[in-house]
C-alpha atoms as a PDB file:
ATOM      1  CA  MET A   1      18.626 -27.007  16.317  1.00  0.00           C
ATOM      2  CA  PRO A   2      20.775 -28.041  13.395  1.00  0.00           C
ATOM      3  CA  PHE A   3      21.769 -24.480  12.418  1.00  0.00           C
ATOM      4  CA  GLY A   4      22.919 -22.936  15.686  1.00  0.00           C
ATOM      5  CA  PRO A   5      21.235 -20.325  17.832  1.00  0.00           C
ATOM      6  CA  LYS A   6      22.007 -17.248  15.681  1.00  0.00           C
ATOM      7  CA  ILE A   7      20.777 -18.829  12.457  1.00  0.00           C
ATOM      8  CA  ALA A   8      17.723 -20.149  14.323  1.00  0.00           C
ATOM      9  CA  ALA A   9      17.086 -16.588  15.558  1.00  0.00           C
ATOM     10  CA  PHE A  10      17.479 -15.320  11.991  1.00  0.00           C
ATOM     11  CA  LEU A  11      14.923 -17.854  10.701  1.00  0.00           C
ATOM     12  CA  ALA A  12      12.535 -16.876  13.503  1.00  0.00           C
ATOM     13  CA  ALA A  13      12.974 -13.199  12.608  1.00  0.00           C
ATOM     14  CA  ILE A  14      12.292 -13.894   8.906  1.00  0.00           C
ATOM     15  CA  GLN A  15       8.943 -15.407   9.931  1.00  0.00           C
ATOM     16  CA  VAL A  16       8.018 -12.105  11.577  1.00  0.00           C
ATOM     17  CA  MET A  17       9.679  -9.670   9.145  1.00  0.00           C
ATOM     18  CA  PRO A  18      10.440 -11.253   5.765  1.00  0.00           C
ATOM     19  CA  ASN A  19      13.348  -8.930   5.047  1.00  0.00           C
ATOM     20  CA  VAL A  20      16.884 -10.311   5.124  1.00  0.00           C
ATOM     21  CA  THR A  21      18.526  -7.062   6.270  1.00  0.00           C
ATOM     22  CA  ARG A  22      16.125  -6.472   9.157  1.00  0.00           C
ATOM     23  CA  ALA A  23      16.065 -10.131  10.202  1.00  0.00           C
ATOM     24  CA  ALA A  24      19.880 -10.228  10.189  1.00  0.00           C
ATOM     25  CA  GLN A  25      19.979  -7.118  12.372  1.00  0.00           C
ATOM     26  CA  ALA A  26      17.459  -8.638  14.774  1.00  0.00           C
ATOM     27  CA  ALA A  27      19.427 -11.896  14.984  1.00  0.00           C
ATOM     28  CA  LYS A  28      22.733 -10.005  15.253  1.00  0.00           C
ATOM     29  CA  ILE A  29      24.308 -11.771  12.283  1.00  0.00           C
ATOM     30  CA  ASN A  30      25.893 -10.486   9.116  1.00  0.00           C
ATOM     31  CA  LYS A  31      23.762 -10.960   5.989  1.00  0.00           C
ATOM     32  CA  SER A  32      26.728 -12.621   4.294  1.00  0.00           C
ATOM     33  CA  HIS A  33      26.508 -15.436   6.858  1.00  0.00           C
ATOM     34  CA  HIS A  34      22.938 -16.104   5.726  1.00  0.00           C
ATOM     35  CA  TYR A  35      23.870 -16.027   2.013  1.00  0.00           C
ATOM     36  CA  ALA A  36      26.851 -18.348   2.552  1.00  0.00           C
ATOM     37  CA  LYS A  37      24.672 -20.797   4.472  1.00  0.00           C
ATOM     38  CA  LEU A  38      22.021 -20.568   1.740  1.00  0.00           C
ATOM     39  CA  LYS A  39      24.597 -21.659  -0.869  1.00  0.00           C
ATOM     40  CA  SER A  40      26.232 -24.375   1.217  1.00  0.00           C
ATOM     41  CA  SER A  41      23.278 -26.075   2.903  1.00  0.00           C
ATOM     42  CA  PRO A  42      20.225 -27.417   1.072  1.00  0.00           C
ATOM     43  CA  GLU A  43      18.595 -28.041   4.476  1.00  0.00           C
ATOM     44  CA  TYR A  44      19.088 -24.417   5.421  1.00  0.00           C
ATOM     45  CA  ALA A  45      17.795 -23.255   2.028  1.00  0.00           C
ATOM     46  CA  ALA A  46      14.612 -25.280   2.581  1.00  0.00           C
ATOM     47  CA  ALA A  47      14.215 -23.977   6.148  1.00  0.00           C
ATOM     48  CA  PHE A  48      14.770 -20.420   4.911  1.00  0.00           C
ATOM     49  CA  GLN A  49      12.130 -20.820   2.182  1.00  0.00           C
ATOM     50  CA  ASP A  50       9.641 -22.158   4.748  1.00  0.00           C
ATOM     51  CA  ALA A  51      10.380 -19.280   7.144  1.00  0.00           C
ATOM     52  CA  MET A  52      10.120 -16.719   4.338  1.00  0.00           C
ATOM     53  CA  GLN A  53       6.755 -18.172   3.267  1.00  0.00           C
ATOM     54  CA  ILE A  54       5.445 -17.837   6.825  1.00  0.00           C
ATOM     55  CA  GLY A  55       6.647 -14.226   6.927  1.00  0.00           C
ATOM     56  CA  CYS A  56       5.100 -13.392   3.559  1.00  0.00           C
ATOM     57  CA  ASP A  57       1.821 -15.003   4.611  1.00  0.00           C
ATOM     58  CA  ALA A  58       1.840 -12.832   7.734  1.00  0.00           C
ATOM     59  CA  LEU A  59       2.406  -9.717   5.608  1.00  0.00           C
ATOM     60  CA  SER A  60      -0.414 -10.790   3.337  1.00  0.00           C
ATOM     61  CA  ASP A  61      -2.710 -11.137   6.347  1.00  0.00           C
ATOM     62  CA  VAL A  62      -1.812  -7.613   7.481  1.00  0.00           C
ATOM     63  CA  ALA A  63      -2.458  -6.256   3.965  1.00  0.00           C
ATOM     64  CA  VAL A  64      -5.880  -7.930   3.799  1.00  0.00           C
ATOM     65  CA  THR A  65      -6.787  -6.526   7.219  1.00  0.00           C
ATOM     66  CA  ARG A  66      -5.726  -2.990   6.226  1.00  0.00           C
ATOM     67  CA  ALA A  67      -7.622  -3.247   2.947  1.00  0.00           C
ATOM     68  CA  THR A  68     -10.843  -4.623   4.430  1.00  0.00           C
ATOM     69  CA  GLU A  69     -11.061  -3.561   8.078  1.00  0.00           C
ATOM     70  CA  GLY A  70      -8.847  -0.500   7.883  1.00  0.00           C
ATOM     71  CA  TRP A  71      -7.286   1.328  10.803  1.00  0.00           C
ATOM     72  CA  GLU A  72      -8.114   4.196  13.111  1.00  0.00           C
ATOM     73  CA  GLU A  73      -6.432   7.468  12.206  1.00  0.00           C
ATOM     74  CA  PRO A  74      -6.487  10.536  14.468  1.00  0.00           C
ATOM     75  CA  VAL A  75      -8.288  13.632  13.194  1.00  0.00           C
ATOM     76  CA  VAL A  76      -6.051  16.700  12.972  1.00  0.00           C
ATOM     77  CA  TYR A  77      -7.796  20.059  13.239  1.00  0.00           C
ATOM     78  CA  GLN A  78      -5.882  23.344  12.979  1.00  0.00           C
ATOM     79  CA  GLY A  79      -2.604  21.490  13.338  1.00  0.00           C
ATOM     80  CA  LYS A  80      -3.555  19.620  16.505  1.00  0.00           C
ATOM     81  CA  ILE A  81      -5.024  16.199  17.192  1.00  0.00           C
ATOM     82  CA  ALA A  82      -8.723  16.641  17.951  1.00  0.00           C
ATOM     83  CA  LEU A  83      -9.779  15.298  21.353  1.00  0.00           C
ATOM     84  CA  GLN A  84     -13.072  14.127  22.816  1.00  0.00           C
ATOM     85  CA  GLN A  85     -14.284  12.687  26.087  1.00  0.00           C
ATOM     86  CA  ASP A  86     -14.923   8.946  26.036  1.00  0.00           C
ATOM     87  CA  PRO A  87     -18.521   8.529  27.270  1.00  0.00           C
ATOM     88  CA  GLY A  88     -17.748   5.193  28.917  1.00  0.00           C
ATOM     89  CA  THR A  89     -14.609   6.090  30.840  1.00  0.00           C
ATOM     90  CA  GLY A  90     -14.628   9.874  30.899  1.00  0.00           C
ATOM     91  CA  GLU A  91     -11.057   9.914  29.588  1.00  0.00           C
ATOM     92  CA  VAL A  92     -10.001  12.417  26.971  1.00  0.00           C
ATOM     93  CA  VAL A  93      -9.086  10.476  23.840  1.00  0.00           C
ATOM     94  CA  PRO A  94      -8.225  11.403  20.253  1.00  0.00           C
ATOM     95  CA  VAL A  95     -11.047  11.699  17.731  1.00  0.00           C
ATOM     96  CA  THR A  96     -10.402   9.096  15.054  1.00  0.00           C
ATOM     97  CA  VAL A  97     -11.791   8.060  11.703  1.00  0.00           C
ATOM     98  CA  ARG A  98     -11.565   4.608  10.188  1.00  0.00           C
ATOM     99  CA  ARG A  99      -9.467   4.540   7.026  1.00  0.00           C
ATOM    100  CA  ILE A 100      -9.593   1.743   4.488  1.00  0.00           C
ATOM    101  CA  ASP A 101      -6.949   1.392   1.803  1.00  0.00           C
ATOM    102  CA  ASN A 102      -8.964   0.971  -1.409  1.00  0.00           C
ATOM    103  CA  GLN A 103      -5.844   0.972  -3.570  1.00  0.00           C
ATOM    104  CA  LEU A 104      -4.430  -1.927  -1.562  1.00  0.00           C
ATOM    105  CA  LEU A 105      -7.765  -3.739  -1.833  1.00  0.00           C
ATOM    106  CA  ARG A 106      -7.711  -3.299  -5.605  1.00  0.00           C
ATOM    107  CA  PHE A 107      -4.120  -4.562  -5.745  1.00  0.00           C
ATOM    108  CA  LEU A 108      -5.003  -7.652  -3.711  1.00  0.00           C
ATOM    109  CA  LEU A 109      -8.039  -8.387  -5.873  1.00  0.00           C
ATOM    110  CA  GLU A 110      -6.049  -7.985  -9.084  1.00  0.00           C
ATOM    111  CA  ARG A 111      -3.368 -10.380  -7.837  1.00  0.00           C
ATOM    112  CA  ARG A 112      -5.647 -13.006  -6.338  1.00  0.00           C
ATOM    113  CA  HIS A 113      -8.699 -13.029  -8.607  1.00  0.00           C
ATOM    114  CA  PRO A 114      -8.250 -13.244 -12.382  1.00  0.00           C
ATOM    115  CA  LYS A 115     -11.590 -11.579 -13.192  1.00  0.00           C
ATOM    116  CA  TYR A 116     -10.346  -8.344 -11.537  1.00  0.00           C
ATOM    117  CA  ARG A 117      -7.141  -8.172 -13.548  1.00  0.00           C
ATOM    118  CA  GLU A 118      -6.794  -5.550 -16.217  1.00  0.00           C
ATOM    119  CA  ARG A 119      -6.935  -6.831 -19.760  1.00  0.00           C
ATOM    120  CA  GLU A 120      -3.594  -7.785 -21.197  1.00  0.00           C
ATOM    121  CA  GLU A 121      -2.548  -9.254 -24.485  1.00  0.00           C
ATOM    122  CA  GLU A 122      -2.232 -13.037 -24.738  1.00  0.00           C
ATOM    123  CA  SER A 123       1.520 -12.778 -24.166  1.00  0.00           C
ATOM    124  CA  GLY A 124       0.986 -10.824 -20.974  1.00  0.00           C
ATOM    125  CA  ALA A 125       2.866  -7.859 -22.464  1.00  0.00           C
ATOM    126  CA  VAL A 126       1.313  -4.433 -22.573  1.00  0.00           C
ATOM    127  CA  ASP A 127       1.356  -2.584 -25.895  1.00  0.00           C
ATOM    128  CA  ILE A 128       3.028   0.771 -25.209  1.00  0.00           C
ATOM    129  CA  HIS A 129       1.241   2.351 -28.188  1.00  0.00           C
ATOM    130  CA  VAL A 130      -2.142   1.506 -26.671  1.00  0.00           C
ATOM    131  CA  LEU A 131      -1.049   3.000 -23.341  1.00  0.00           C
ATOM    132  CA  ILE A 132       0.122   6.209 -25.035  1.00  0.00           C
ATOM    133  CA  GLU A 133      -3.110   6.443 -27.034  1.00  0.00           C
ATOM    134  CA  ASN A 134      -5.183   5.986 -23.864  1.00  0.00           C
ATOM    135  CA  LEU A 135      -3.085   8.621 -22.093  1.00  0.00           C
ATOM    136  CA  ASN A 136      -3.597  11.092 -24.934  1.00  0.00           C
ATOM    137  CA  VAL A 137      -7.359  10.449 -25.014  1.00  0.00           C
ATOM    138  CA  GLY A 138      -7.464  11.052 -21.257  1.00  0.00           C
ATOM    139  CA  ARG A 139      -5.509  14.287 -21.599  1.00  0.00           C
ATOM    140  CA  GLN A 140      -7.874  15.484 -24.329  1.00  0.00           C
ATOM    141  CA  ARG A 141     -10.897  14.668 -22.179  1.00  0.00           C
ATOM    142  CA  VAL A 142      -9.436  16.576 -19.209  1.00  0.00           C
ATOM    143  CA  ALA A 143      -8.633  19.572 -21.435  1.00  0.00           C
ATOM    144  CA  ALA A 144     -12.162  19.550 -22.893  1.00  0.00           C
ATOM    145  CA  GLU A 145     -13.715  19.371 -19.404  1.00  0.00           C
ATOM    146  CA  LYS A 146     -11.533  22.273 -18.232  1.00  0.00           C
ATOM    147  CA  ALA A 147     -12.474  24.357 -21.282  1.00  0.00           C
ATOM    148  CA  GLN A 148     -16.166  23.640 -20.590  1.00  0.00           C
ATOM    149  CA  ARG A 149     -15.818  24.696 -16.939  1.00  0.00           C
ATOM    150  CA  ASP A 150     -13.925  27.850 -17.919  1.00  0.00           C
ATOM    151  CA  ALA A 151     -16.638  28.751 -20.465  1.00  0.00           C
ATOM    152  CA  GLU A 152     -19.380  28.188 -17.876  1.00  0.00           C
ATOM    153  CA  GLU A 153     -17.567  30.345 -15.314  1.00  0.00           C
ATOM    154  CA  LYS A 154     -17.043  33.120 -17.900  1.00  0.00           C
ATOM    155  CA  ALA A 155     -20.721  33.009 -18.880  1.00  0.00           C
ATOM    156  CA  LEU A 156     -21.692  33.258 -15.211  1.00  0.00           C
ATOM    157  CA  ARG A 157     -19.351  36.213 -14.647  1.00  0.00           C
ATOM    158  CA  ASP A 158     -20.682  37.915 -17.779  1.00  0.00           C
ATOM    159  CA  SER A 159     -24.296  37.411 -16.669  1.00  0.00           C
ATOM    160  CA  ILE A 160     -23.595  38.966 -13.270  1.00  0.00           C
ATOM    161  CA  GLY A 161     -22.087  42.036 -14.905  1.00  0.00           C
ATOM    162  CA  PRO A 162     -19.490  44.500 -13.650  1.00  0.00           C
ATOM    163  CA  GLU A 163     -21.937  46.455 -11.470  1.00  0.00           C
ATOM    164  CA  SER A 164     -22.236  43.487  -9.029  1.00  0.00           C
ATOM    165  CA  ALA A 165     -18.514  42.880  -8.811  1.00  0.00           C
ATOM    166  CA  GLY A 166     -17.719  45.987  -6.740  1.00  0.00           C
END
C-alpha cells in the first residue's frame, strides 16, 4: 500500500464511517496527519475522496432502508418493555412494532427527485417575506380552529347545565 498501514486503516474506516474524527480514532492516527497528507499528496486526496464516497453511499443505503423498511422498536408499557412468548420457539421475547421514518423518506425524495422538491424561486433563494406571511396565516388558522373548538365545548357545557355537573 502506498500510504502505509495506518493511513490505509484510516481510508478503510472512512469507507465504513465517513467521519474524519471517528475514522482517525479507529485507525489510531491524529486527524492532523490526515489533513497534512490531504494537502501534500494528490494520490492520497483522490483515494480519500473515493473512500469517502463509498462511506457516504453506505450511509445513503442505511437511510433508504430506515425510510422504506423501517426497524423494529420494542413496546414499552408502564415503564417496562412488553414481553410475549414466541410461538415458534417458546422463548420470551420483546413485543415490537415496525417503525418507518416518514420524515427521512420525505427528505430523501426531496433530494433525489425534483418533482418532490418544494417550490423555490428561480434563483433557488427563499423569500423570507413569503415564509413570514405563510407562518402568520398558519398561526391565524390555528387560532381560529382553537376558538371554534372552545366555542363548541362551551356550548356543550352550557347545554348540559349545572345540574348534571355535580
